[in-house]
Amino acid sequence: TTSFVYPRREPLGVVAGIGAWNYPIQIALWKSAPALAAGNAMIFKPSEVTSLTTLKLAEIYT
């Protein structure tokens, strides 16, 4: 007999990410895009220096 097996992907729930001051949008996208694509909720803490870039990214997502 032939069987077909594939992984079943399920969201983890809430995922956390911490950003740095250098490359703020790139680091935020590296962390948030895969998490949101998998169906997870995302909490992201940006650097104090670059918090406005994360707000702009949140506007793009919504």
PDB file of N, CA and C in Angstrom:
ATOM      1  N   THR A   1       0.835  -1.187   0.000  1.00  0.00           N
ATOM      2  CA  THR A   1       0.000   0.000   0.000  1.00  0.00           C
ATOM      3  C   THR A   1       0.875   1.243   0.000  1.00  0.00           C
ATOM      4  N   THR A   2       0.330   2.276  -0.545  1.00  0.00           N
ATOM      5  CA  THR A   2       1.028   3.553  -0.598  1.00  0.00           C
ATOM      6  C   THR A   2       0.387   4.499   0.401  1.00  0.00           C
ATOM      7  N   SER A   3       1.217   5.111   1.211  1.00  0.00           N
ATOM      8  CA  SER A   3       0.689   6.085   2.177  1.00  0.00           C
ATOM      9  C   SER A   3       1.311   7.446   1.901  1.00  0.00           C
ATOM     10  N   PHE A   4       0.570   8.464   2.265  1.00  0.00           N
ATOM     11  CA  PHE A   4       1.010   9.839   2.054  1.00  0.00           C
ATOM     12  C   PHE A   4       1.068  10.519   3.413  1.00  0.00           C
ATOM     13  N   VAL A   5       2.243  10.959   3.802  1.00  0.00           N
ATOM     14  CA  VAL A   5       2.435  11.590   5.106  1.00  0.00           C
ATOM     15  C   VAL A   5       2.939  13.009   4.880  1.00  0.00           C
ATOM     16  N   TYR A   6       2.362  13.955   5.608  1.00  0.00           N
ATOM     17  CA  TYR A   6       2.814  15.336   5.521  1.00  0.00           C
ATOM     18  C   TYR A   6       2.738  15.966   6.908  1.00  0.00           C
ATOM     19  N   PRO A   7       3.613  16.935   7.194  1.00  0.00           N
ATOM     20  CA  PRO A   7       3.570  17.581   8.510  1.00  0.00           C
ATOM     21  C   PRO A   7       2.339  18.470   8.641  1.00  0.00           C
ATOM     22  N   ARG A   8       1.785  18.472   9.805  1.00  0.00           N
ATOM     23  CA  ARG A   8       0.628  19.315  10.082  1.00  0.00           C
ATOM     24  C   ARG A   8       1.112  20.512  10.889  1.00  0.00           C
ATOM     25  N   ARG A   9       1.017  21.669  10.311  1.00  0.00           N
ATOM     26  CA  ARG A   9       1.525  22.876  10.961  1.00  0.00           C
ATOM     27  C   ARG A   9       0.410  23.543  11.746  1.00  0.00           C
ATOM     28  N   GLU A  10       0.709  23.840  12.989  1.00  0.00           N
ATOM     29  CA  GLU A  10      -0.244  24.521  13.856  1.00  0.00           C
ATOM     30  C   GLU A  10       0.431  25.737  14.466  1.00  0.00           C
ATOM     31  N   PRO A  11      -0.309  26.831  14.637  1.00  0.00           N
ATOM     32  CA  PRO A  11       0.274  28.027  15.255  1.00  0.00           C
ATOM     33  C   PRO A  11       0.695  27.757  16.696  1.00  0.00           C
ATOM     34  N   LEU A  12       1.749  28.436  17.125  1.00  0.00           N
ATOM     35  CA  LEU A  12       2.220  28.301  18.497  1.00  0.00           C
ATOM     36  C   LEU A  12       1.401  29.133  19.469  1.00  0.00           C
ATOM     37  N   GLY A  13       0.798  30.187  18.993  1.00  0.00           N
ATOM     38  CA  GLY A  13       0.048  31.095  19.863  1.00  0.00           C
ATOM     39  C   GLY A  13       0.634  32.488  19.760  1.00  0.00           C
ATOM     40  N   VAL A  14       1.207  32.955  20.842  1.00  0.00           N
ATOM     41  CA  VAL A  14       1.801  34.293  20.877  1.00  0.00           C
ATOM     42  C   VAL A  14       3.316  34.156  20.776  1.00  0.00           C
ATOM     43  N   VAL A  15       3.903  34.921  19.867  1.00  0.00           N
ATOM     44  CA  VAL A  15       5.344  34.898  19.645  1.00  0.00           C
ATOM     45  C   VAL A  15       5.895  36.271  19.999  1.00  0.00           C
ATOM     46  N   ALA A  16       7.044  36.305  20.662  1.00  0.00           N
ATOM     47  CA  ALA A  16       7.663  37.574  21.051  1.00  0.00           C
ATOM     48  C   ALA A  16       8.923  37.816  20.231  1.00  0.00           C
ATOM     49  N   GLY A  17       9.201  39.083  19.947  1.00  0.00           N
ATOM     50  CA  GLY A  17      10.405  39.465  19.226  1.00  0.00           C
ATOM     51  C   GLY A  17      10.979  40.745  19.805  1.00  0.00           C
ATOM     52  N   ILE A  18      12.296  40.845  19.792  1.00  0.00           N
ATOM     53  CA  ILE A  18      12.980  42.031  20.304  1.00  0.00           C
ATOM     54  C   ILE A  18      13.832  42.596  19.176  1.00  0.00           C
ATOM     55  N   GLY A  19      13.661  43.880  18.895  1.00  0.00           N
ATOM     56  CA  GLY A  19      14.376  44.520  17.801  1.00  0.00           C
ATOM     57  C   GLY A  19      15.606  45.270  18.267  1.00  0.00           C
ATOM     58  N   ALA A  20      16.457  45.579  17.329  1.00  0.00           N
ATOM     59  CA  ALA A  20      17.680  46.329  17.608  1.00  0.00           C
ATOM     60  C   ALA A  20      17.617  47.681  16.911  1.00  0.00           C
ATOM     61  N   TRP A  21      18.551  48.555  17.202  1.00  0.00           N
ATOM     62  CA  TRP A  21      18.525  49.905  16.636  1.00  0.00           C
ATOM     63  C   TRP A  21      19.033  49.920  15.203  1.00  0.00           C
ATOM     64  N   ASN A  22      19.900  48.984  14.835  1.00  0.00           N
ATOM     65  CA  ASN A  22      20.400  48.956  13.459  1.00  0.00           C
ATOM     66  C   ASN A  22      19.505  48.033  12.627  1.00  0.00           C
ATOM     67  N   TYR A  23      19.162  48.451  11.443  1.00  0.00           N
ATOM     68  CA  TYR A  23      18.253  47.717  10.556  1.00  0.00           C
ATOM     69  C   TYR A  23      16.904  47.453  11.222  1.00  0.00           C
ATOM     70  N   PRO A  24      16.202  48.470  11.682  1.00  0.00           N
ATOM     71  CA  PRO A  24      14.978  48.231  12.463  1.00  0.00           C
ATOM     72  C   PRO A  24      13.859  47.570  11.669  1.00  0.00           C
ATOM     73  N   ILE A  25      13.663  47.971  10.421  1.00  0.00           N
ATOM     74  CA  ILE A  25      12.566  47.374   9.644  1.00  0.00           C
ATOM     75  C   ILE A  25      12.938  45.966   9.205  1.00  0.00           C
ATOM     76  N   GLN A  26      14.165  45.769   8.805  1.00  0.00           N
ATOM     77  CA  GLN A  26      14.591  44.452   8.348  1.00  0.00           C
ATOM     78  C   GLN A  26      14.493  43.425   9.479  1.00  0.00           C
ATOM     79  N   ILE A  27      14.935  43.773  10.664  1.00  0.00           N
ATOM     80  CA  ILE A  27      14.874  42.842  11.789  1.00  0.00           C
ATOM     81  C   ILE A  27      13.429  42.581  12.189  1.00  0.00           C
ATOM     82  N   ALA A  28      12.593  43.611  12.175  1.00  0.00           N
ATOM     83  CA  ALA A  28      11.182  43.421  12.515  1.00  0.00           C
ATOM     84  C   ALA A  28      10.498  42.506  11.505  1.00  0.00           C
ATOM     85  N   LEU A  29      10.814  42.661  10.221  1.00  0.00           N
ATOM     86  CA  LEU A  29      10.217  41.802   9.195  1.00  0.00           C
ATOM     87  C   LEU A  29      10.720  40.369   9.295  1.00  0.00           C
ATOM     88  N   TRP A  30      11.994  40.179   9.587  1.00  0.00           N
ATOM     89  CA  TRP A  30      12.534  38.826   9.741  1.00  0.00           C
ATOM     90  C   TRP A  30      11.791  38.066  10.829  1.00  0.00           C
ATOM     91  N   LYS A  31      11.397  38.777  11.874  1.00  0.00           N
ATOM     92  CA  LYS A  31      10.741  38.109  12.993  1.00  0.00           C
ATOM     93  C   LYS A  31       9.227  38.021  12.827  1.00  0.00           C
ATOM     94  N   SER A  32       8.620  39.074  12.295  1.00  0.00           N
ATOM     95  CA  SER A  32       7.158  39.118  12.277  1.00  0.00           C
ATOM     96  C   SER A  32       6.535  38.411  11.080  1.00  0.00           C
ATOM     97  N   ALA A  33       7.138  38.483   9.917  1.00  0.00           N
ATOM     98  CA  ALA A  33       6.519  37.896   8.722  1.00  0.00           C
ATOM     99  C   ALA A  33       6.310  36.385   8.842  1.00  0.00           C
ATOM    100  N   PRO A  34       7.310  35.599   9.244  1.00  0.00           N
ATOM    101  CA  PRO A  34       7.055  34.160   9.382  1.00  0.00           C
ATOM    102  C   PRO A  34       6.057  33.837  10.494  1.00  0.00           C
ATOM    103  N   ALA A  35       6.112  34.603  11.582  1.00  0.00           N
ATOM    104  CA  ALA A  35       5.187  34.342  12.690  1.00  0.00           C
ATOM    105  C   ALA A  35       3.748  34.613  12.281  1.00  0.00           C
ATOM    106  N   LEU A  36       3.515  35.724  11.604  1.00  0.00           N
ATOM    107  CA  LEU A  36       2.156  36.055  11.175  1.00  0.00           C
ATOM    108  C   LEU A  36       1.686  35.138  10.053  1.00  0.00           C
ATOM    109  N   ALA A  37       2.579  34.722   9.176  1.00  0.00           N
ATOM    110  CA  ALA A  37       2.202  33.806   8.097  1.00  0.00           C
ATOM    111  C   ALA A  37       1.799  32.442   8.643  1.00  0.00           C
ATOM    112  N   ALA A  38       2.371  32.050   9.770  1.00  0.00           N
ATOM    113  CA  ALA A  38       2.027  30.767  10.385  1.00  0.00           C
ATOM    114  C   ALA A  38       0.767  30.848  11.229  1.00  0.00           C
ATOM    115  N   GLY A  39       0.215  32.047  11.393  1.00  0.00           N
ATOM    116  CA  GLY A  39      -1.025  32.198  12.143  1.00  0.00           C
ATOM    117  C   GLY A  39      -0.845  32.573  13.597  1.00  0.00           C
ATOM    118  N   ASN A  40       0.345  32.979  13.974  1.00  0.00           N
ATOM    119  CA  ASN A  40       0.609  33.360  15.359  1.00  0.00           C
ATOM    120  C   ASN A  40       0.316  34.835  15.589  1.00  0.00           C
ATOM    121  N   ALA A  41       0.074  35.174  16.840  1.00  0.00           N
ATOM    122  CA  ALA A  41       0.020  36.578  17.239  1.00  0.00           C
ATOM    123  C   ALA A  41       1.449  37.010  17.549  1.00  0.00           C
ATOM    124  N   MET A  42       1.740  38.289  17.367  1.00  0.00           N
ATOM    125  CA  MET A  42       3.119  38.762  17.526  1.00  0.00           C
ATOM    126  C   MET A  42       3.173  39.940  18.475  1.00  0.00           C
ATOM    127  N   ILE A  43       4.071  39.857  19.445  1.00  0.00           N
ATOM    128  CA  ILE A  43       4.400  40.988  20.310  1.00  0.00           C
ATOM    129  C   ILE A  43       5.841  41.353  19.983  1.00  0.00           C
ATOM    130  N   PHE A  44       6.054  42.605  19.593  1.00  0.00           N
ATOM    131  CA  PHE A  44       7.390  43.033  19.183  1.00  0.00           C
ATOM    132  C   PHE A  44       7.803  44.237  19.999  1.00  0.00           C
ATOM    133  N   LYS A  45       8.975  44.159  20.631  1.00  0.00           N
ATOM    134  CA  LYS A  45       9.506  45.282  21.397  1.00  0.00           C
ATOM    135  C   LYS A  45      10.643  45.910  20.592  1.00  0.00           C
ATOM    136  N   PRO A  46      10.390  47.095  20.043  1.00  0.00           N
ATOM    137  CA  PRO A  46      11.444  47.742  19.257  1.00  0.00           C
ATOM    138  C   PRO A  46      12.460  48.443  20.156  1.00  0.00           C
ATOM    139  N   SER A  47      13.539  48.866  19.559  1.00  0.00           N
ATOM    140  CA  SER A  47      14.515  49.684  20.262  1.00  0.00           C
ATOM    141  C   SER A  47      13.890  51.038  20.592  1.00  0.00           C
ATOM    142  N   GLU A  48      14.315  51.631  21.680  1.00  0.00           N
ATOM    143  CA  GLU A  48      13.797  52.947  22.060  1.00  0.00           C
ATOM    144  C   GLU A  48      14.147  54.000  21.022  1.00  0.00           C
ATOM    145  N   VAL A  49      15.232  53.794  20.306  1.00  0.00           N
ATOM    146  CA  VAL A  49      15.708  54.758  19.319  1.00  0.00           C
ATOM    147  C   VAL A  49      14.850  54.726  18.049  1.00  0.00           C
ATOM    148  N   THR A  50      14.303  53.576  17.704  1.00  0.00           N
ATOM    149  CA  THR A  50      13.619  53.409  16.416  1.00  0.00           C
ATOM    150  C   THR A  50      12.170  52.968  16.569  1.00  0.00           C
ATOM    151  N   SER A  51      11.486  53.447  17.556  1.00  0.00           N
ATOM    152  CA  SER A  51      10.118  52.978  17.791  1.00  0.00           C
ATOM    153  C   SER A  51       9.138  53.441  16.710  1.00  0.00           C
ATOM    154  N   LEU A  52       9.380  54.574  16.067  1.00  0.00           N
ATOM    155  CA  LEU A  52       8.463  55.053  15.029  1.00  0.00           C
ATOM    156  C   LEU A  52       8.470  54.170  13.781  1.00  0.00           C
ATOM    157  N   THR A  53       9.605  53.563  13.482  1.00  0.00           N
ATOM    158  CA  THR A  53       9.631  52.671  12.321  1.00  0.00           C
ATOM    159  C   THR A  53       8.761  51.445  12.556  1.00  0.00           C
ATOM    160  N   THR A  54       8.702  50.968  13.776  1.00  0.00           N
ATOM    161  CA  THR A  54       7.848  49.821  14.075  1.00  0.00           C
ATOM    162  C   THR A  54       6.380  50.206  14.006  1.00  0.00           C
ATOM    163  N   LEU A  55       6.044  51.424  14.386  1.00  0.00           N
ATOM    164  CA  LEU A  55       4.659  51.881  14.249  1.00  0.00           C
ATOM    165  C   LEU A  55       4.257  51.959  12.780  1.00  0.00           C
ATOM    166  N   LYS A  56       5.156  52.418  11.930  1.00  0.00           N
ATOM    167  CA  LYS A  56       4.868  52.454  10.493  1.00  0.00           C
ATOM    168  C   LYS A  56       4.682  51.044   9.934  1.00  0.00           C
ATOM    169  N   LEU A  57       5.485  50.110  10.400  1.00  0.00           N
ATOM    170  CA  LEU A  57       5.340  48.727   9.958  1.00  0.00           C
ATOM    171  C   LEU A  57       3.998  48.145  10.411  1.00  0.00           C
ATOM    172  N   ALA A  58       3.567  48.485  11.599  1.00  0.00           N
ATOM    173  CA  ALA A  58       2.255  48.029  12.080  1.00  0.00           C
ATOM    174  C   ALA A  58       1.132  48.616  11.232  1.00  0.00           C
ATOM    175  N   GLU A  59       1.291  49.854  10.778  1.00  0.00           N
ATOM    176  CA  GLU A  59       0.293  50.452   9.880  1.00  0.00           C
ATOM    177  C   GLU A  59       0.242  49.712   8.548  1.00  0.00           C
ATOM    178  N   ILE A  60       1.384  49.269   8.070  1.00  0.00           N
ATOM    179  CA  ILE A  60       1.419  48.520   6.813  1.00  0.00           C
ATOM    180  C   ILE A  60       0.713  47.181   6.977  1.00  0.00           C
ATOM    181  N   TYR A  61       0.924  46.518   8.099  1.00  0.00           N
ATOM    182  CA  TYR A  61       0.304  45.214   8.336  1.00  0.00           C
ATOM    183  C   TYR A  61      -1.208  45.309   8.489  1.00  0.00           C
ATOM    184  N   THR A  62      -1.693  46.416   9.043  1.00  0.00           N
ATOM    185  CA  THR A  62      -3.143  46.504   9.272  1.00  0.00           C
ATOM    186  C   THR A  62      -3.787  47.245   8.198  1.00  0.00           C
TER     187      THR A  62
END
